Amino acid sequence: MKFIVYLTVILTAICILSILIISSKAKRPFRFMLLNSFIGVTLFLTLYFTKKYTGIEVGVNTYTVLCSAVFGIPGVIGILILNLLF
């Protein structure tokens, strides 16, 4: 169990660093971060509203929405992986 927690923390740190590095190289970093957040939340809401058809059930709470807003697509993929593990 501790291994999964450590792995999650390490992957989260890698995602944060990669998003910061990519956004710092972008021409407009704030716009890039805003677009990344919008895409992540849109993907998360799409998964939530299509759960009847896809069978993927993701709970909506503060942590999942915040994760999808901050990390974007990698955050949503991380939520899906954690959903499969637990």
PDB file of N, CA and C in Angstrom:
ATOM      1  N   MET A   1       0.824  -1.195   0.000  1.00  0.00           N
ATOM      2  CA  MET A   1       0.000   0.000   0.000  1.00  0.00           C
ATOM      3  C   MET A   1       0.868   1.259   0.000  1.00  0.00           C
ATOM      4  N   LYS A   2       1.964   1.241   0.771  1.00  0.00           N
ATOM      5  CA  LYS A   2       2.838   2.409   0.791  1.00  0.00           C
ATOM      6  C   LYS A   2       3.490   2.632  -0.573  1.00  0.00           C
ATOM      7  N   PHE A   3       3.739   1.549  -1.287  1.00  0.00           N
ATOM      8  CA  PHE A   3       4.343   1.663  -2.605  1.00  0.00           C
ATOM      9  C   PHE A   3       3.447   2.455  -3.550  1.00  0.00           C
ATOM     10  N   ILE A   4       2.167   2.201  -3.507  1.00  0.00           N
ATOM     11  CA  ILE A   4       1.227   2.898  -4.386  1.00  0.00           C
ATOM     12  C   ILE A   4       1.166   4.376  -4.027  1.00  0.00           C
ATOM     13  N   VAL A   5       1.211   4.680  -2.739  1.00  0.00           N
ATOM     14  CA  VAL A   5       1.196   6.086  -2.315  1.00  0.00           C
ATOM     15  C   VAL A   5       2.458   6.791  -2.787  1.00  0.00           C
ATOM     16  N   TYR A   6       3.605   6.153  -2.611  1.00  0.00           N
ATOM     17  CA  TYR A   6       4.856   6.756  -3.066  1.00  0.00           C
ATOM     18  C   TYR A   6       4.872   6.917  -4.584  1.00  0.00           C
ATOM     19  N   LEU A   7       4.385   5.923  -5.285  1.00  0.00           N
ATOM     20  CA  LEU A   7       4.330   5.993  -6.743  1.00  0.00           C
ATOM     21  C   LEU A   7       3.421   7.129  -7.199  1.00  0.00           C
ATOM     22  N   THR A   8       2.294   7.308  -6.526  1.00  0.00           N
ATOM     23  CA  THR A   8       1.373   8.386  -6.868  1.00  0.00           C
ATOM     24  C   THR A   8       2.018   9.744  -6.637  1.00  0.00           C
ATOM     25  N   VAL A   9       2.724   9.893  -5.535  1.00  0.00           N
ATOM     26  CA  VAL A   9       3.395  11.163  -5.249  1.00  0.00           C
ATOM     27  C   VAL A   9       4.483  11.447  -6.281  1.00  0.00           C
ATOM     28  N   ILE A  10       5.245  10.445  -6.637  1.00  0.00           N
ATOM     29  CA  ILE A  10       6.305  10.630  -7.628  1.00  0.00           C
ATOM     30  C   ILE A  10       5.727  10.984  -8.993  1.00  0.00           C
ATOM     31  N   LEU A  11       4.674  10.290  -9.410  1.00  0.00           N
ATOM     32  CA  LEU A  11       4.059  10.591 -10.706  1.00  0.00           C
ATOM     33  C   LEU A  11       3.424  11.979 -10.707  1.00  0.00           C
ATOM     34  N   THR A  12       2.854  12.387  -9.592  1.00  0.00           N
ATOM     35  CA  THR A  12       2.282  13.725  -9.489  1.00  0.00           C
ATOM     36  C   THR A  12       3.368  14.780  -9.624  1.00  0.00           C
ATOM     37  N   ALA A  13       4.489  14.567  -8.960  1.00  0.00           N
ATOM     38  CA  ALA A  13       5.599  15.516  -9.066  1.00  0.00           C
ATOM     39  C   ALA A  13       6.129  15.591 -10.492  1.00  0.00           C
ATOM     40  N   ILE A  14       6.222  14.451 -11.159  1.00  0.00           N
ATOM     41  CA  ILE A  14       6.679  14.438 -12.548  1.00  0.00           C
ATOM     42  C   ILE A  14       5.707  15.196 -13.439  1.00  0.00           C
ATOM     43  N   CYS A  15       4.407  15.002 -13.227  1.00  0.00           N
ATOM     44  CA  CYS A  15       3.406  15.717 -14.025  1.00  0.00           C
ATOM     45  C   CYS A  15       3.488  17.221 -13.797  1.00  0.00           C
ATOM     46  N   ILE A  16       3.643  17.634 -12.543  1.00  0.00           N
ATOM     47  CA  ILE A  16       3.739  19.068 -12.246  1.00  0.00           C
ATOM     48  C   ILE A  16       4.968  19.665 -12.923  1.00  0.00           C
ATOM     49  N   LEU A  17       6.090  19.002 -12.790  1.00  0.00           N
ATOM     50  CA  LEU A  17       7.313  19.517 -13.408  1.00  0.00           C
ATOM     51  C   LEU A  17       7.218  19.569 -14.926  1.00  0.00           C
ATOM     52  N   SER A  18       6.636  18.537 -15.524  1.00  0.00           N
ATOM     53  CA  SER A  18       6.531  18.543 -16.985  1.00  0.00           C
ATOM     54  C   SER A  18       5.580  19.631 -17.471  1.00  0.00           C
ATOM     55  N   ILE A  19       4.492  19.867 -16.755  1.00  0.00           N
ATOM     56  CA  ILE A  19       3.565  20.933 -17.150  1.00  0.00           C
ATOM     57  C   ILE A  19       4.230  22.292 -17.000  1.00  0.00           C
ATOM     58  N   LEU A  20       4.976  22.489 -15.917  1.00  0.00           N
ATOM     59  CA  LEU A  20       5.666  23.764 -15.733  1.00  0.00           C
ATOM     60  C   LEU A  20       6.751  23.991 -16.784  1.00  0.00           C
ATOM     61  N   ILE A  21       7.481  22.953 -17.130  1.00  0.00           N
ATOM     62  CA  ILE A  21       8.532  23.091 -18.138  1.00  0.00           C
ATOM     63  C   ILE A  21       7.933  23.387 -19.504  1.00  0.00           C
ATOM     64  N   ILE A  22       6.883  22.658 -19.854  1.00  0.00           N
ATOM     65  CA  ILE A  22       6.251  22.874 -21.157  1.00  0.00           C
ATOM     66  C   ILE A  22       5.617  24.256 -21.226  1.00  0.00           C
ATOM     67  N   SER A  23       4.964  24.678 -20.145  1.00  0.00           N
ATOM     68  CA  SER A  23       4.309  25.988 -20.180  1.00  0.00           C
ATOM     69  C   SER A  23       5.318  27.127 -20.169  1.00  0.00           C
ATOM     70  N   SER A  24       6.482  26.912 -19.550  1.00  0.00           N
ATOM     71  CA  SER A  24       7.480  27.980 -19.555  1.00  0.00           C
ATOM     72  C   SER A  24       8.098  28.159 -20.938  1.00  0.00           C
ATOM     73  N   LYS A  25       8.113  27.115 -21.735  1.00  0.00           N
ATOM     74  CA  LYS A  25       8.658  27.215 -23.094  1.00  0.00           C
ATOM     75  C   LYS A  25       7.627  27.739 -24.087  1.00  0.00           C
ATOM     76  N   ALA A  26       6.370  27.769 -23.682  1.00  0.00           N
ATOM     77  CA  ALA A  26       5.319  28.250 -24.572  1.00  0.00           C
ATOM     78  C   ALA A  26       5.433  29.769 -24.730  1.00  0.00           C
ATOM     79  N   LYS A  27       4.865  30.254 -25.816  1.00  0.00           N
ATOM     80  CA  LYS A  27       4.909  31.684 -26.089  1.00  0.00           C
ATOM     81  C   LYS A  27       4.082  32.456 -25.064  1.00  0.00           C
ATOM     82  N   ARG A  28       2.942  31.899 -24.707  1.00  0.00           N
ATOM     83  CA  ARG A  28       2.048  32.514 -23.723  1.00  0.00           C
ATOM     84  C   ARG A  28       1.747  31.480 -22.639  1.00  0.00           C
ATOM     85  N   PRO A  29       2.528  31.445 -21.559  1.00  0.00           N
ATOM     86  CA  PRO A  29       2.380  30.389 -20.557  1.00  0.00           C
ATOM     87  C   PRO A  29       1.045  30.429 -19.814  1.00  0.00           C
ATOM     88  N   PHE A  30       0.513  31.617 -19.517  1.00  0.00           N
ATOM     89  CA  PHE A  30      -0.764  31.679 -18.805  1.00  0.00           C
ATOM     90  C   PHE A  30      -1.884  31.134 -19.676  1.00  0.00           C
ATOM     91  N   ARG A  31      -1.862  31.468 -20.935  1.00  0.00           N
ATOM     92  CA  ARG A  31      -2.885  30.967 -21.856  1.00  0.00           C
ATOM     93  C   ARG A  31      -2.791  29.452 -21.995  1.00  0.00           C
ATOM     94  N   PHE A  32      -1.556  28.942 -22.037  1.00  0.00           N
ATOM     95  CA  PHE A  32      -1.346  27.495 -22.117  1.00  0.00           C
ATOM     96  C   PHE A  32      -1.909  26.794 -20.887  1.00  0.00           C
ATOM     97  N   MET A  33      -1.633  27.345 -19.697  1.00  0.00           N
ATOM     98  CA  MET A  33      -2.138  26.733 -18.456  1.00  0.00           C
ATOM     99  C   MET A  33      -3.661  26.794 -18.399  1.00  0.00           C
ATOM    100  N   LEU A  34      -4.232  27.900 -18.831  1.00  0.00           N
ATOM    101  CA  LEU A  34      -5.687  28.036 -18.837  1.00  0.00           C
ATOM    102  C   LEU A  34      -6.323  27.048 -19.804  1.00  0.00           C
ATOM    103  N   LEU A  35      -5.735  26.896 -20.982  1.00  0.00           N
ATOM    104  CA  LEU A  35      -6.238  25.940 -21.963  1.00  0.00           C
ATOM    105  C   LEU A  35      -6.100  24.508 -21.452  1.00  0.00           C
ATOM    106  N   ASN A  36      -4.991  24.201 -20.796  1.00  0.00           N
ATOM    107  CA  ASN A  36      -4.774  22.879 -20.229  1.00  0.00           C
ATOM    108  C   ASN A  36      -5.833  22.566 -19.169  1.00  0.00           C
ATOM    109  N   SER A  37      -6.149  23.540 -18.322  1.00  0.00           N
ATOM    110  CA  SER A  37      -7.176  23.353 -17.296  1.00  0.00           C
ATOM    111  C   SER A  37      -8.549  23.145 -17.932  1.00  0.00           C
ATOM    112  N   PHE A  38      -8.857  23.933 -18.944  1.00  0.00           N
ATOM    113  CA  PHE A  38     -10.150  23.814 -19.612  1.00  0.00           C
ATOM    114  C   PHE A  38     -10.310  22.441 -20.266  1.00  0.00           C
ATOM    115  N   ILE A  39      -9.266  21.982 -20.929  1.00  0.00           N
ATOM    116  CA  ILE A  39      -9.331  20.664 -21.578  1.00  0.00           C
ATOM    117  C   ILE A  39      -9.480  19.558 -20.537  1.00  0.00           C
ATOM    118  N   GLY A  40      -8.751  19.661 -19.427  1.00  0.00           N
ATOM    119  CA  GLY A  40      -8.844  18.645 -18.381  1.00  0.00           C
ATOM    120  C   GLY A  40     -10.223  18.564 -17.763  1.00  0.00           C
ATOM    121  N   VAL A  41     -10.805  19.711 -17.426  1.00  0.00           N
ATOM    122  CA  VAL A  41     -12.147  19.720 -16.827  1.00  0.00           C
ATOM    123  C   VAL A  41     -13.183  19.252 -17.838  1.00  0.00           C
ATOM    124  N   THR A  42     -13.042  19.652 -19.090  1.00  0.00           N
ATOM    125  CA  THR A  42     -13.980  19.211 -20.125  1.00  0.00           C
ATOM    126  C   THR A  42     -13.915  17.691 -20.312  1.00  0.00           C
ATOM    127  N   LEU A  43     -12.716  17.143 -20.338  1.00  0.00           N
ATOM    128  CA  LEU A  43     -12.562  15.691 -20.461  1.00  0.00           C
ATOM    129  C   LEU A  43     -13.153  14.975 -19.257  1.00  0.00           C
ATOM    130  N   PHE A  44     -12.922  15.522 -18.064  1.00  0.00           N
ATOM    131  CA  PHE A  44     -13.470  14.920 -16.853  1.00  0.00           C
ATOM    132  C   PHE A  44     -14.999  14.931 -16.872  1.00  0.00           C
ATOM    133  N   LEU A  45     -15.581  16.062 -17.249  1.00  0.00           N
ATOM    134  CA  LEU A  45     -17.043  16.138 -17.304  1.00  0.00           C
ATOM    135  C   LEU A  45     -17.609  15.234 -18.396  1.00  0.00           C
ATOM    136  N   THR A  46     -16.894  15.088 -19.498  1.00  0.00           N
ATOM    137  CA  THR A  46     -17.322  14.172 -20.550  1.00  0.00           C
ATOM    138  C   THR A  46     -17.350  12.742 -20.033  1.00  0.00           C
ATOM    139  N   LEU A  47     -16.315  12.369 -19.292  1.00  0.00           N
ATOM    140  CA  LEU A  47     -16.308  11.025 -18.696  1.00  0.00           C
ATOM    141  C   LEU A  47     -17.445  10.845 -17.705  1.00  0.00           C
ATOM    142  N   TYR A  48     -17.708  11.885 -16.928  1.00  0.00           N
ATOM    143  CA  TYR A  48     -18.775  11.788 -15.925  1.00  0.00           C
ATOM    144  C   TYR A  48     -20.145  11.644 -16.575  1.00  0.00           C
ATOM    145  N   PHE A  49     -20.418  12.424 -17.606  1.00  0.00           N
ATOM    146  CA  PHE A  49     -21.741  12.391 -18.223  1.00  0.00           C
ATOM    147  C   PHE A  49     -21.953  11.199 -19.151  1.00  0.00           C
ATOM    148  N   THR A  50     -20.884  10.530 -19.571  1.00  0.00           N
ATOM    149  CA  THR A  50     -21.030   9.354 -20.419  1.00  0.00           C
ATOM    150  C   THR A  50     -20.820   8.052 -19.653  1.00  0.00           C
ATOM    151  N   LYS A  51     -20.884   8.111 -18.329  1.00  0.00           N
ATOM    152  CA  LYS A  51     -20.629   6.900 -17.541  1.00  0.00           C
ATOM    153  C   LYS A  51     -21.681   5.821 -17.792  1.00  0.00           C
ATOM    154  N   LYS A  52     -22.867   6.219 -18.183  1.00  0.00           N
ATOM    155  CA  LYS A  52     -23.904   5.233 -18.477  1.00  0.00           C
ATOM    156  C   LYS A  52     -23.550   4.403 -19.708  1.00  0.00           C
ATOM    157  N   TYR A  53     -22.872   5.027 -20.655  1.00  0.00           N
ATOM    158  CA  TYR A  53     -22.538   4.348 -21.899  1.00  0.00           C
ATOM    159  C   TYR A  53     -21.166   3.668 -21.868  1.00  0.00           C
ATOM    160  N   THR A  54     -20.225   4.249 -21.144  1.00  0.00           N
ATOM    161  CA  THR A  54     -18.876   3.706 -21.123  1.00  0.00           C
ATOM    162  C   THR A  54     -18.629   2.737 -19.987  1.00  0.00           C
ATOM    163  N   GLY A  55     -19.385   2.851 -18.910  1.00  0.00           N
ATOM    164  CA  GLY A  55     -19.183   1.993 -17.750  1.00  0.00           C
ATOM    165  C   GLY A  55     -18.084   2.478 -16.830  1.00  0.00           C
ATOM    166  N   ILE A  56     -17.472   3.610 -17.152  1.00  0.00           N
ATOM    167  CA  ILE A  56     -16.430   4.193 -16.308  1.00  0.00           C
ATOM    168  C   ILE A  56     -17.108   5.148 -15.336  1.00  0.00           C
ATOM    169  N   GLU A  57     -17.064   4.790 -14.063  1.00  0.00           N
ATOM    170  CA  GLU A  57     -17.735   5.606 -13.058  1.00  0.00           C
ATOM    171  C   GLU A  57     -16.680   6.336 -12.233  1.00  0.00           C
ATOM    172  N   VAL A  58     -16.664   7.660 -12.362  1.00  0.00           N
ATOM    173  CA  VAL A  58     -15.714   8.501 -11.654  1.00  0.00           C
ATOM    174  C   VAL A  58     -16.503   9.422 -10.735  1.00  0.00           C
ATOM    175  N   GLY A  59     -16.144   9.426  -9.464  1.00  0.00           N
ATOM    176  CA  GLY A  59     -16.843  10.283  -8.516  1.00  0.00           C
ATOM    177  C   GLY A  59     -16.432  11.735  -8.673  1.00  0.00           C
ATOM    178  N   VAL A  60     -17.398  12.613  -8.519  1.00  0.00           N
ATOM    179  CA  VAL A  60     -17.120  14.041  -8.617  1.00  0.00           C
ATOM    180  C   VAL A  60     -16.998  14.588  -7.201  1.00  0.00           C
ATOM    181  N   ASN A  61     -15.812  15.039  -6.847  1.00  0.00           N
ATOM    182  CA  ASN A  61     -15.602  15.724  -5.583  1.00  0.00           C
ATOM    183  C   ASN A  61     -14.534  16.794  -5.789  1.00  0.00           C
ATOM    184  N   THR A  62     -14.191  17.458  -4.725  1.00  0.00           N
ATOM    185  CA  THR A  62     -13.244  18.568  -4.828  1.00  0.00           C
ATOM    186  C   THR A  62     -11.893  18.114  -5.366  1.00  0.00           C
ATOM    187  N   TYR A  63     -11.422  16.968  -4.907  1.00  0.00           N
ATOM    188  CA  TYR A  63     -10.087  16.501  -5.296  1.00  0.00           C
ATOM    189  C   TYR A  63     -10.012  16.096  -6.767  1.00  0.00           C
ATOM    190  N   THR A  64     -11.028  15.417  -7.257  1.00  0.00           N
ATOM    191  CA  THR A  64     -10.976  14.981  -8.651  1.00  0.00           C
ATOM    192  C   THR A  64     -11.108  16.159  -9.613  1.00  0.00           C
ATOM    193  N   VAL A  65     -11.971  17.098  -9.297  1.00  0.00           N
ATOM    194  CA  VAL A  65     -12.122  18.271 -10.163  1.00  0.00           C
ATOM    195  C   VAL A  65     -10.862  19.131 -10.115  1.00  0.00           C
ATOM    196  N   LEU A  66     -10.283  19.288  -8.933  1.00  0.00           N
ATOM    197  CA  LEU A  66      -9.049  20.061  -8.804  1.00  0.00           C
ATOM    198  C   LEU A  66      -7.900  19.387  -9.535  1.00  0.00           C
ATOM    199  N   CYS A  67      -7.825  18.079  -9.441  1.00  0.00           N
ATOM    200  CA  CYS A  67      -6.771  17.334 -10.134  1.00  0.00           C
ATOM    201  C   CYS A  67      -6.918  17.479 -11.647  1.00  0.00           C
ATOM    202  N   SER A  68      -8.132  17.386 -12.144  1.00  0.00           N
ATOM    203  CA  SER A  68      -8.324  17.523 -13.588  1.00  0.00           C
ATOM    204  C   SER A  68      -8.092  18.963 -14.048  1.00  0.00           C
ATOM    205  N   ALA A  69      -8.354  19.945 -13.178  1.00  0.00           N
ATOM    206  CA  ALA A  69      -8.126  21.342 -13.564  1.00  0.00           C
ATOM    207  C   ALA A  69      -6.649  21.698 -13.532  1.00  0.00           C
ATOM    208  N   VAL A  70      -5.929  21.200 -12.548  1.00  0.00           N
ATOM    209  CA  VAL A  70      -4.516  21.562 -12.420  1.00  0.00           C
ATOM    210  C   VAL A  70      -3.654  20.789 -13.406  1.00  0.00           C
ATOM    211  N   PHE A  71      -3.893  19.491 -13.530  1.00  0.00           N
ATOM    212  CA  PHE A  71      -3.016  18.653 -14.340  1.00  0.00           C
ATOM    213  C   PHE A  71      -3.511  18.432 -15.761  1.00  0.00           C
ATOM    214  N   GLY A  72      -4.764  18.731 -16.042  1.00  0.00           N
ATOM    215  CA  GLY A  72      -5.294  18.571 -17.394  1.00  0.00           C
ATOM    216  C   GLY A  72      -5.483  17.108 -17.765  1.00  0.00           C
ATOM    217  N   ILE A  73      -5.096  16.756 -18.971  1.00  0.00           N
ATOM    218  CA  ILE A  73      -5.273  15.393 -19.471  1.00  0.00           C
ATOM    219  C   ILE A  73      -4.492  14.370 -18.647  1.00  0.00           C
ATOM    220  N   PRO A  74      -3.231  14.626 -18.266  1.00  0.00           N
ATOM    221  CA  PRO A  74      -2.555  13.646 -17.408  1.00  0.00           C
ATOM    222  C   PRO A  74      -3.254  13.441 -16.063  1.00  0.00           C
ATOM    223  N   GLY A  75      -3.872  14.486 -15.545  1.00  0.00           N
ATOM    224  CA  GLY A  75      -4.616  14.351 -14.290  1.00  0.00           C
ATOM    225  C   GLY A  75      -5.834  13.450 -14.438  1.00  0.00           C
ATOM    226  N   VAL A  76      -6.543  13.594 -15.542  1.00  0.00           N
ATOM    227  CA  VAL A  76      -7.708  12.744 -15.786  1.00  0.00           C
ATOM    228  C   VAL A  76      -7.278  11.298 -15.997  1.00  0.00           C
ATOM    229  N   ILE A  77      -6.179  11.095 -16.699  1.00  0.00           N
ATOM    230  CA  ILE A  77      -5.667   9.736 -16.883  1.00  0.00           C
ATOM    231  C   ILE A  77      -5.246   9.146 -15.543  1.00  0.00           C
ATOM    232  N   GLY A  78      -4.639   9.963 -14.693  1.00  0.00           N
ATOM    233  CA  GLY A  78      -4.271   9.505 -13.357  1.00  0.00           C
ATOM    234  C   GLY A  78      -5.481   9.129 -12.523  1.00  0.00           C
ATOM    235  N   ILE A  79      -6.547   9.900 -12.631  1.00  0.00           N
ATOM    236  CA  ILE A  79      -7.798   9.582 -11.917  1.00  0.00           C
ATOM    237  C   ILE A  79      -8.339   8.241 -12.416  1.00  0.00           C
ATOM    238  N   LEU A  80      -8.297   8.033 -13.714  1.00  0.00           N
ATOM    239  CA  LEU A  80      -8.787   6.756 -14.276  1.00  0.00           C
ATOM    240  C   LEU A  80      -7.954   5.580 -13.809  1.00  0.00           C
ATOM    241  N   ILE A  81      -6.632   5.759 -13.748  1.00  0.00           N
ATOM    242  CA  ILE A  81      -5.756   4.678 -13.286  1.00  0.00           C
ATOM    243  C   ILE A  81      -6.023   4.363 -11.821  1.00  0.00           C
ATOM    244  N   LEU A  82      -6.160   5.412 -11.010  1.00  0.00           N
ATOM    245  CA  LEU A  82      -6.475   5.170  -9.594  1.00  0.00           C
ATOM    246  C   LEU A  82      -7.848   4.546  -9.423  1.00  0.00           C
ATOM    247  N   ASN A  83      -8.775   4.892 -10.306  1.00  0.00           N
ATOM    248  CA  ASN A  83     -10.102   4.272 -10.264  1.00  0.00           C
ATOM    249  C   ASN A  83     -10.026   2.781 -10.578  1.00  0.00           C
ATOM    250  N   LEU A  84      -9.143   2.416 -11.498  1.00  0.00           N
ATOM    251  CA  LEU A  84      -8.980   1.004 -11.837  1.00  0.00           C
ATOM    252  C   LEU A  84      -8.285   0.226 -10.706  1.00  0.00           C
ATOM    253  N   LEU A  85      -7.329   0.880 -10.029  1.00  0.00           N
ATOM    254  CA  LEU A  85      -6.595   0.200  -8.963  1.00  0.00           C
ATOM    255  C   LEU A  85      -7.436   0.009  -7.711  1.00  0.00           C
ATOM    256  N   PHE A  86      -8.257   0.972  -7.399  1.00  0.00           N
ATOM    257  CA  PHE A  86      -9.041   0.877  -6.161  1.00  0.00           C
ATOM    258  C   PHE A  86     -10.476   0.732  -6.499  1.00  0.00           C
TER     259      PHE A  86
END
